[in-house]
Amino acid sequence: MILRLLGALVVSAIFLANAGPVLADGNVWLAAVNIDPDQSHRLEIEVPGFGIRSASGEILTAEALDAINTFDEPSRVKPQALAVTASKEMVSSSLPPASIAVLQIAN
């Protein structure tokens, strides 16, 4: 799946939204949600002319849809590093089922 950077798009089971403007330091922040509770989905974001230098991300997901943090298990649901691949005009990753990710793309 290839998504063009246009604000917010719904394609397949992934919702993608621009999480803010392009910052003075050249960073763009995107939020991506995999609404499919059963399957991972590949995310590929094409950003023509942006000149991607690097990309990174964090993801929030758990084994169960109803997982919560408790006093006994305060870290059951916590942000984790997301594996992201970046080239000059493309960022790609895989989003696990029922996950929320934030990606930082730098030029």
Protein backbone atom coordinates (compact mmCIF):
# COMPACT_ATOMS: atom_id res chain seq x y z
CA MET A 1 0.00 0.00 0.00
CA ILE A 2 1.39 3.42 -0.95
CA LEU A 3 -0.07 6.51 0.64
CA ARG A 4 0.64 10.04 -0.49
CA LEU A 5 1.06 12.65 2.22
CA LEU A 6 -2.25 14.54 2.02
CA GLY A 7 -3.34 15.16 5.59
CA ALA A 8 -5.64 12.29 6.53
CA LEU A 9 -6.42 9.19 4.50
CA VAL A 10 -8.24 5.94 5.15
CA VAL A 11 -6.88 3.06 3.10
CA SER A 12 -7.64 -0.55 3.93
CA ALA A 13 -7.30 -1.03 7.68
CA ILE A 14 -4.90 1.88 8.28
CA PHE A 15 -5.85 5.44 9.16
CA LEU A 16 -3.07 7.97 8.57
CA ALA A 17 -3.08 11.60 9.71
CA ASN A 18 -0.58 14.41 9.75
CA ALA A 19 0.09 15.01 13.43
CA GLY A 20 1.23 18.61 12.91
CA PRO A 21 2.85 21.02 10.45
CA VAL A 22 6.32 20.63 8.97
CA LEU A 23 8.47 22.06 11.74
CA ALA A 24 11.26 24.59 11.29
CA ASP A 25 13.79 21.81 11.87
CA GLY A 26 12.36 19.90 8.87
CA ASN A 27 10.52 17.22 10.84
CA VAL A 28 7.07 15.91 9.95
CA TRP A 29 5.05 13.93 12.49
CA LEU A 30 2.46 11.38 11.34
CA ALA A 31 0.03 9.24 13.30
CA ALA A 32 -1.01 5.85 11.91
CA VAL A 33 -3.62 3.46 13.30
CA ASN A 34 -4.14 -0.16 12.30
CA ILE A 35 -7.81 -0.72 13.04
CA ASP A 36 -7.67 -4.40 12.06
CA PRO A 37 -7.80 -6.42 15.32
CA ASP A 38 -6.44 -9.60 13.69
CA GLN A 39 -3.74 -8.79 11.12
CA SER A 40 -0.61 -6.72 10.73
CA HIS A 41 -0.56 -4.34 7.76
CA ARG A 42 2.33 -2.90 5.81
CA LEU A 43 2.51 0.89 5.72
CA GLU A 44 4.36 2.66 2.91
CA ILE A 45 4.31 6.44 2.76
CA GLU A 46 5.57 8.16 -0.35
CA VAL A 47 6.65 11.78 0.11
CA PRO A 48 7.78 13.05 -3.31
CA GLY A 49 10.29 15.89 -3.23
CA PHE A 50 10.66 15.89 0.57
CA GLY A 51 14.18 14.47 0.60
CA ILE A 52 13.80 12.09 3.55
CA ARG A 53 16.99 11.91 5.61
CA SER A 54 15.73 9.64 8.39
CA ALA A 55 12.60 8.26 10.01
CA SER A 56 11.75 6.76 13.38
CA GLY A 57 8.65 5.77 15.26
CA GLU A 58 6.98 4.56 18.41
CA ILE A 59 4.06 2.19 18.68
CA LEU A 60 1.43 1.42 21.28
CA THR A 61 -0.11 -2.05 21.18
CA ALA A 62 -0.84 -5.02 23.46
CA GLU A 63 -1.68 -8.72 23.32
CA ALA A 64 -5.38 -8.06 23.94
CA LEU A 65 -7.70 -5.27 22.80
CA ASP A 66 -8.87 -4.69 26.36
CA ALA A 67 -5.37 -4.61 27.91
CA ILE A 68 -4.88 -1.88 30.51
CA ASN A 69 -2.20 -0.81 32.92
CA THR A 70 -2.88 -1.59 36.57
CA PHE A 71 -1.03 -1.06 39.82
CA ASP A 72 0.12 -4.69 39.62
CA GLU A 73 1.14 -4.38 35.95
CA PRO A 74 1.92 -0.69 35.34
CA SER A 75 3.82 -1.36 32.09
CA ARG A 76 1.48 -3.80 30.38
CA VAL A 77 0.69 -1.20 27.70
CA LYS A 78 3.58 1.13 26.92
CA PRO A 79 5.18 2.81 23.90
CA GLN A 80 7.86 0.78 22.14
CA ALA A 81 10.27 1.54 19.32
CA LEU A 82 8.85 0.89 15.85
CA ALA A 83 11.10 -0.48 13.10
CA VAL A 84 10.93 2.05 10.25
CA THR A 85 12.77 1.98 6.92
CA ALA A 86 13.45 5.24 5.08
CA SER A 87 14.72 6.07 1.62
CA LYS A 88 14.86 9.43 -0.18
CA GLU A 89 11.09 9.54 -0.89
CA MET A 90 9.59 6.55 0.97
CA VAL A 91 9.00 5.51 4.57
CA SER A 92 7.78 2.01 5.35
CA SER A 93 6.93 -0.08 8.37
CA SER A 94 4.63 -2.86 9.52
CA LEU A 95 1.85 -2.10 11.98
CA PRO A 96 0.73 -4.93 14.28
CA PRO A 97 -2.99 -5.61 14.83
CA ALA A 98 -4.90 -2.93 16.77
CA SER A 99 -1.96 -0.56 17.09
CA ILE A 100 -1.30 3.18 17.16
CA ALA A 101 1.99 4.55 15.87
CA VAL A 102 3.65 7.94 15.68
CA LEU A 103 6.31 8.45 13.02
CA GLN A 104 8.88 11.23 12.76
CA ILE A 105 10.17 11.91 9.25
CA ALA A 106 13.15 14.25 8.92
CA ASN A 107 14.55 15.94 5.84
